[in-house]
Structure formats: C-alpha cells, structure tokens
PDB file of N, CA and C in Angstrom:
ATOM      1  N   MET A   1     -10.535 -52.746  40.160  1.00  0.00           N
ATOM      2  CA  MET A   1     -10.245 -52.368  41.525  1.00  0.00           C
ATOM      3  C   MET A   1      -9.177 -51.287  41.515  1.00  0.00           C
ATOM      4  N   LYS A   2      -9.432 -50.250  42.267  1.00  0.00           N
ATOM      5  CA  LYS A   2      -8.458 -49.169  42.385  1.00  0.00           C
ATOM      6  C   LYS A   2      -7.515 -49.479  43.535  1.00  0.00           C
ATOM      7  N   GLY A   3      -6.332 -48.898  43.499  1.00  0.00           N
ATOM      8  CA  GLY A   3      -5.362 -49.112  44.567  1.00  0.00           C
ATOM      9  C   GLY A   3      -4.694 -47.823  44.974  1.00  0.00           C
ATOM     10  N   THR A   4      -4.238 -47.783  46.221  1.00  0.00           N
ATOM     11  CA  THR A   4      -3.544 -46.608  46.729  1.00  0.00           C
ATOM     12  C   THR A   4      -2.589 -47.005  47.841  1.00  0.00           C
ATOM     13  N   ALA A   5      -1.580 -46.196  48.029  1.00  0.00           N
ATOM     14  CA  ALA A   5      -0.658 -46.395  49.144  1.00  0.00           C
ATOM     15  C   ALA A   5      -1.305 -45.873  50.426  1.00  0.00           C
ATOM     16  N   LEU A   6      -0.908 -46.439  51.541  1.00  0.00           N
ATOM     17  CA  LEU A   6      -1.475 -46.053  52.831  1.00  0.00           C
ATOM     18  C   LEU A   6      -1.319 -44.553  53.093  1.00  0.00           C
ATOM     19  N   ILE A   7      -0.182 -43.991  52.806  1.00  0.00           N
ATOM     20  CA  ILE A   7       0.027 -42.561  53.065  1.00  0.00           C
ATOM     21  C   ILE A   7      -0.877 -41.705  52.183  1.00  0.00           C
ATOM     22  N   GLU A   8      -1.091 -42.141  50.945  1.00  0.00           N
ATOM     23  CA  GLU A   8      -1.992 -41.420  50.039  1.00  0.00           C
ATOM     24  C   GLU A   8      -3.435 -41.498  50.564  1.00  0.00           C
ATOM     25  N   LEU A   9      -3.831 -42.665  51.051  1.00  0.00           N
ATOM     26  CA  LEU A   9      -5.158 -42.814  51.642  1.00  0.00           C
ATOM     27  C   LEU A   9      -5.315 -41.882  52.829  1.00  0.00           C
ATOM     28  N   ARG A  10      -4.321 -41.863  53.690  1.00  0.00           N
ATOM     29  CA  ARG A  10      -4.371 -41.005  54.879  1.00  0.00           C
ATOM     30  C   ARG A  10      -4.502 -39.530  54.497  1.00  0.00           C
ATOM     31  N   ASN A  11      -3.809 -39.123  53.469  1.00  0.00           N
ATOM     32  CA  ASN A  11      -3.828 -37.712  53.073  1.00  0.00           C
ATOM     33  C   ASN A  11      -5.104 -37.312  52.334  1.00  0.00           C
ATOM     34  N   HIS A  12      -5.810 -38.288  51.756  1.00  0.00           N
ATOM     35  CA  HIS A  12      -6.996 -37.985  50.948  1.00  0.00           C
ATOM     36  C   HIS A  12      -8.143 -38.938  51.274  1.00  0.00           C
ATOM     37  N   VAL A  13      -8.328 -39.241  52.544  1.00  0.00           N
ATOM     38  CA  VAL A  13      -9.273 -40.270  52.960  1.00  0.00           C
ATOM     39  C   VAL A  13     -10.691 -40.004  52.460  1.00  0.00           C
ATOM     40  N   LYS A  14     -11.165 -38.774  52.482  1.00  0.00           N
ATOM     41  CA  LYS A  14     -12.533 -38.474  52.043  1.00  0.00           C
ATOM     42  C   LYS A  14     -12.721 -38.861  50.582  1.00  0.00           C
ATOM     43  N   ASN A  15     -11.758 -38.522  49.750  1.00  0.00           N
ATOM     44  CA  ASN A  15     -11.858 -38.854  48.322  1.00  0.00           C
ATOM     45  C   ASN A  15     -11.956 -40.362  48.108  1.00  0.00           C
ATOM     46  N   TYR A  16     -11.159 -41.127  48.839  1.00  0.00           N
ATOM     47  CA  TYR A  16     -11.167 -42.574  48.659  1.00  0.00           C
ATOM     48  C   TYR A  16     -12.431 -43.205  49.229  1.00  0.00           C
ATOM     49  N   PHE A  17     -12.953 -42.674  50.332  1.00  0.00           N
ATOM     50  CA  PHE A  17     -14.225 -43.180  50.844  1.00  0.00           C
ATOM     51  C   PHE A  17     -15.358 -42.851  49.881  1.00  0.00           C
ATOM     52  N   ASP A  18     -15.284 -41.716  49.215  1.00  0.00           N
ATOM     53  CA  ASP A  18     -16.280 -41.383  48.192  1.00  0.00           C
ATOM     54  C   ASP A  18     -16.234 -42.402  47.050  1.00  0.00           C
ATOM     55  N   ILE A  19     -15.030 -42.810  46.675  1.00  0.00           N
ATOM     56  CA  ILE A  19     -14.870 -43.813  45.619  1.00  0.00           C
ATOM     57  C   ILE A  19     -15.517 -45.128  46.057  1.00  0.00           C
ATOM     58  N   ALA A  20     -15.236 -45.556  47.280  1.00  0.00           N
ATOM     59  CA  ALA A  20     -15.822 -46.799  47.794  1.00  0.00           C
ATOM     60  C   ALA A  20     -17.340 -46.684  47.886  1.00  0.00           C
ATOM     61  N   GLU A  21     -17.817 -45.543  48.346  1.00  0.00           N
ATOM     62  CA  GLU A  21     -19.256 -45.339  48.456  1.00  0.00           C
ATOM     63  C   GLU A  21     -19.931 -45.435  47.088  1.00  0.00           C
ATOM     64  N   GLY A  22     -19.204 -45.054  46.052  1.00  0.00           N
ATOM     65  CA  GLY A  22     -19.726 -45.135  44.693  1.00  0.00           C
ATOM     66  C   GLY A  22     -19.774 -46.552  44.140  1.00  0.00           C
ATOM     67  N   GLY A  23     -19.268 -47.519  44.895  1.00  0.00           N
ATOM     68  CA  GLY A  23     -19.365 -48.910  44.478  1.00  0.00           C
ATOM     69  C   GLY A  23     -18.049 -49.562  44.095  1.00  0.00           C
ATOM     70  N   SER A  24     -16.976 -48.799  44.059  1.00  0.00           N
ATOM     71  CA  SER A  24     -15.676 -49.374  43.710  1.00  0.00           C
ATOM     72  C   SER A  24     -15.000 -49.953  44.952  1.00  0.00           C
ATOM     73  N   THR A  25     -14.211 -50.983  44.732  1.00  0.00           N
ATOM     74  CA  THR A  25     -13.381 -51.537  45.801  1.00  0.00           C
ATOM     75  C   THR A  25     -12.020 -50.871  45.726  1.00  0.00           C
ATOM     76  N   LEU A  26     -11.475 -50.534  46.871  1.00  0.00           N
ATOM     77  CA  LEU A  26     -10.181 -49.860  46.945  1.00  0.00           C
ATOM     78  C   LEU A  26      -9.213 -50.739  47.719  1.00  0.00           C
ATOM     79  N   ARG A  27      -8.092 -51.090  47.120  1.00  0.00           N
ATOM     80  CA  ARG A  27      -7.059 -51.875  47.802  1.00  0.00           C
ATOM     81  C   ARG A  27      -5.981 -50.927  48.319  1.00  0.00           C
ATOM     82  N   VAL A  28      -5.618 -51.113  49.583  1.00  0.00           N
ATOM     83  CA  VAL A  28      -4.617 -50.264  50.236  1.00  0.00           C
ATOM     84  C   VAL A  28      -3.320 -51.052  50.360  1.00  0.00           C
ATOM     85  N   PHE A  29      -2.215 -50.396  50.004  1.00  0.00           N
ATOM     86  CA  PHE A  29      -0.893 -51.014  50.042  1.00  0.00           C
ATOM     87  C   PHE A  29       0.008 -50.302  51.042  1.00  0.00           C
ATOM     88  N   ARG A  30       0.837 -51.089  51.739  1.00  0.00           N
ATOM     89  CA  ARG A  30       1.896 -50.526  52.582  1.00  0.00           C
ATOM     90  C   ARG A  30       3.194 -51.182  52.140  1.00  0.00           C
ATOM     91  N   ASN A  31       4.161 -50.366  51.788  1.00  0.00           N
ATOM     92  CA  ASN A  31       5.449 -50.871  51.303  1.00  0.00           C
ATOM     93  C   ASN A  31       5.269 -51.843  50.137  1.00  0.00           C
ATOM     94  N   GLY A  32       4.297 -51.544  49.273  1.00  0.00           N
ATOM     95  CA  GLY A  32       4.071 -52.347  48.086  1.00  0.00           C
ATOM     96  C   GLY A  32       3.278 -53.627  48.305  1.00  0.00           C
ATOM     97  N   LYS A  33       2.876 -53.905  49.560  1.00  0.00           N
ATOM     98  CA  LYS A  33       2.118 -55.116  49.867  1.00  0.00           C
ATOM     99  C   LYS A  33       0.677 -54.750  50.204  1.00  0.00           C
ATOM    100  N   PRO A  34      -0.306 -55.490  49.655  1.00  0.00           N
ATOM    101  CA  PRO A  34      -1.701 -55.198  49.978  1.00  0.00           C
ATOM    102  C   PRO A  34      -1.981 -55.502  51.450  1.00  0.00           C
ATOM    103  N   ILE A  35      -2.665 -54.550  52.125  1.00  0.00           N
ATOM    104  CA  ILE A  35      -2.968 -54.745  53.544  1.00  0.00           C
ATOM    105  C   ILE A  35      -4.465 -54.683  53.844  1.00  0.00           C
ATOM    106  N   ALA A  36      -5.255 -54.094  52.942  1.00  0.00           N
ATOM    107  CA  ALA A  36      -6.685 -53.963  53.218  1.00  0.00           C
ATOM    108  C   ALA A  36      -7.435 -53.661  51.939  1.00  0.00           C
ATOM    109  N   ASP A  37      -8.712 -54.034  51.933  1.00  0.00           N
ATOM    110  CA  ASP A  37      -9.643 -53.623  50.889  1.00  0.00           C
ATOM    111  C   ASP A  37     -10.723 -52.786  51.558  1.00  0.00           C
ATOM    112  N   ILE A  38     -11.073 -51.684  50.942  1.00  0.00           N
ATOM    113  CA  ILE A  38     -12.169 -50.846  51.421  1.00  0.00           C
ATOM    114  C   ILE A  38     -13.310 -51.018  50.441  1.00  0.00           C
ATOM    115  N   VAL A  39     -14.460 -51.433  50.951  1.00  0.00           N
ATOM    116  CA  VAL A  39     -15.637 -51.656  50.120  1.00  0.00           C
ATOM    117  C   VAL A  39     -16.833 -50.968  50.753  1.00  0.00           C
ATOM    118  N   ALA A  40     -17.785 -50.597  49.935  1.00  0.00           N
ATOM    119  CA  ALA A  40     -19.008 -49.984  50.443  1.00  0.00           C
ATOM    120  C   ALA A  40     -19.857 -51.052  51.119  1.00  0.00           C
ATOM    121  N   ILE A  41     -20.603 -50.641  52.108  1.00  0.00           N
ATOM    122  CA  ILE A  41     -21.551 -51.532  52.762  1.00  0.00           C
ATOM    123  C   ILE A  41     -22.762 -51.639  51.852  1.00  0.00           C
ATOM    124  N   ARG A  42     -23.163 -52.849  51.575  1.00  0.00           N
ATOM    125  CA  ARG A  42     -24.332 -53.061  50.723  1.00  0.00           C
ATOM    126  C   ARG A  42     -25.582 -52.624  51.466  1.00  0.00           C
ATOM    127  N   SER A  43     -26.395 -51.818  50.825  1.00  0.00           N
ATOM    128  CA  SER A  43     -27.650 -51.428  51.457  1.00  0.00           C
ATOM    129  C   SER A  43     -28.538 -52.653  51.570  1.00  0.00           C
ATOM    130  N   GLY A  44     -29.290 -52.708  52.630  1.00  0.00           N
ATOM    131  CA  GLY A  44     -30.162 -53.840  52.849  1.00  0.00           C
ATOM    132  C   GLY A  44     -29.496 -54.992  53.575  1.00  0.00           C
ATOM    133  N   ALA A  45     -28.196 -54.888  53.822  1.00  0.00           N
ATOM    134  CA  ALA A  45     -27.511 -55.950  54.555  1.00  0.00           C
ATOM    135  C   ALA A  45     -27.898 -55.876  56.027  1.00  0.00           C
ATOM    136  N   PRO A  46     -28.068 -57.013  56.673  1.00  0.00           N
ATOM    137  CA  PRO A  46     -28.375 -56.992  58.106  1.00  0.00           C
ATOM    138  C   PRO A  46     -27.285 -56.267  58.892  1.00  0.00           C
ATOM    139  N   LEU A  47     -27.646 -55.658  59.994  1.00  0.00           N
ATOM    140  CA  LEU A  47     -26.689 -54.893  60.789  1.00  0.00           C
ATOM    141  C   LEU A  47     -25.483 -55.714  61.212  1.00  0.00           C
ATOM    142  N   TRP A  48     -25.674 -56.990  61.505  1.00  0.00           N
ATOM    143  CA  TRP A  48     -24.543 -57.799  61.946  1.00  0.00           C
ATOM    144  C   TRP A  48     -23.523 -57.999  60.832  1.00  0.00           C
ATOM    145  N   GLN A  49     -23.906 -57.778  59.573  1.00  0.00           N
ATOM    146  CA  GLN A  49     -22.966 -57.893  58.467  1.00  0.00           C
ATOM    147  C   GLN A  49     -22.284 -56.573  58.154  1.00  0.00           C
ATOM    148  N   LYS A  50     -22.780 -55.471  58.671  1.00  0.00           N
ATOM    149  CA  LYS A  50     -22.234 -54.162  58.331  1.00  0.00           C
ATOM    150  C   LYS A  50     -20.971 -53.835  59.104  1.00  0.00           C
ATOM    151  N   SER A  51     -20.756 -54.435  60.249  1.00  0.00           N
ATOM    152  CA  SER A  51     -19.590 -54.105  61.054  1.00  0.00           C
ATOM    153  C   SER A  51     -18.940 -55.375  61.554  1.00  0.00           C
ATOM    154  N   ASP A  52     -17.677 -55.543  61.224  1.00  0.00           N
ATOM    155  CA  ASP A  52     -16.919 -56.690  61.711  1.00  0.00           C
ATOM    156  C   ASP A  52     -15.983 -56.298  62.841  1.00  0.00           C
ATOM    157  N   THR A  53     -16.178 -55.126  63.427  1.00  0.00           N
ATOM    158  CA  THR A  53     -15.293 -54.686  64.499  1.00  0.00           C
ATOM    159  C   THR A  53     -15.716 -55.308  65.814  1.00  0.00           C
ATOM    160  N   THR A  54     -14.752 -55.461  66.686  1.00  0.00           N
ATOM    161  CA  THR A  54     -15.026 -55.984  68.025  1.00  0.00           C
ATOM    162  C   THR A  54     -14.650 -54.933  69.048  1.00  0.00           C
ATOM    163  N   ASP A  55     -15.167 -55.088  70.231  1.00  0.00           N
ATOM    164  CA  ASP A  55     -14.878 -54.143  71.315  1.00  0.00           C
ATOM    165  C   ASP A  55     -13.780 -54.663  72.206  1.00  0.00           C
ATOM    166  N   ASP A  56     -12.648 -55.057  71.642  1.00  0.00           N
ATOM    167  CA  ASP A  56     -11.522 -55.583  72.432  1.00  0.00           C
ATOM    168  C   ASP A  56     -10.870 -54.512  73.236  1.00  0.00           C
TER     169      ASP A  56
END
C-alpha cells in the first residue's frame, strides 16, 4: 500500500488517482494520522457498491 500526505495528494491528485486506477490502494495521512484509503472501483461491481456518498 502506498501512502501520501493530504497536501501532497492535493498538489498531485491526478497522479495518485492514476495509481489507484492501476489497482494500488493509497492511504492518505493528515498530521501523520491515516484519514482515508483511495481504492479503484472494481469493474463489474453493482452500481450501489460503486458510490457510498449520500446527498445530505
């Protein structure tokens, strides 16, 4: 698993999304603490599994 700081992700977001799209998981850190994992969406997954966002 690759890791990056939040500011580095923000400055190079396309590069990191390319990494995730290639199949790698990317862990994002803020102040040295993990805050998120970025993973590629598996092809063939049902649409309800592709997005966990809500319309709050």
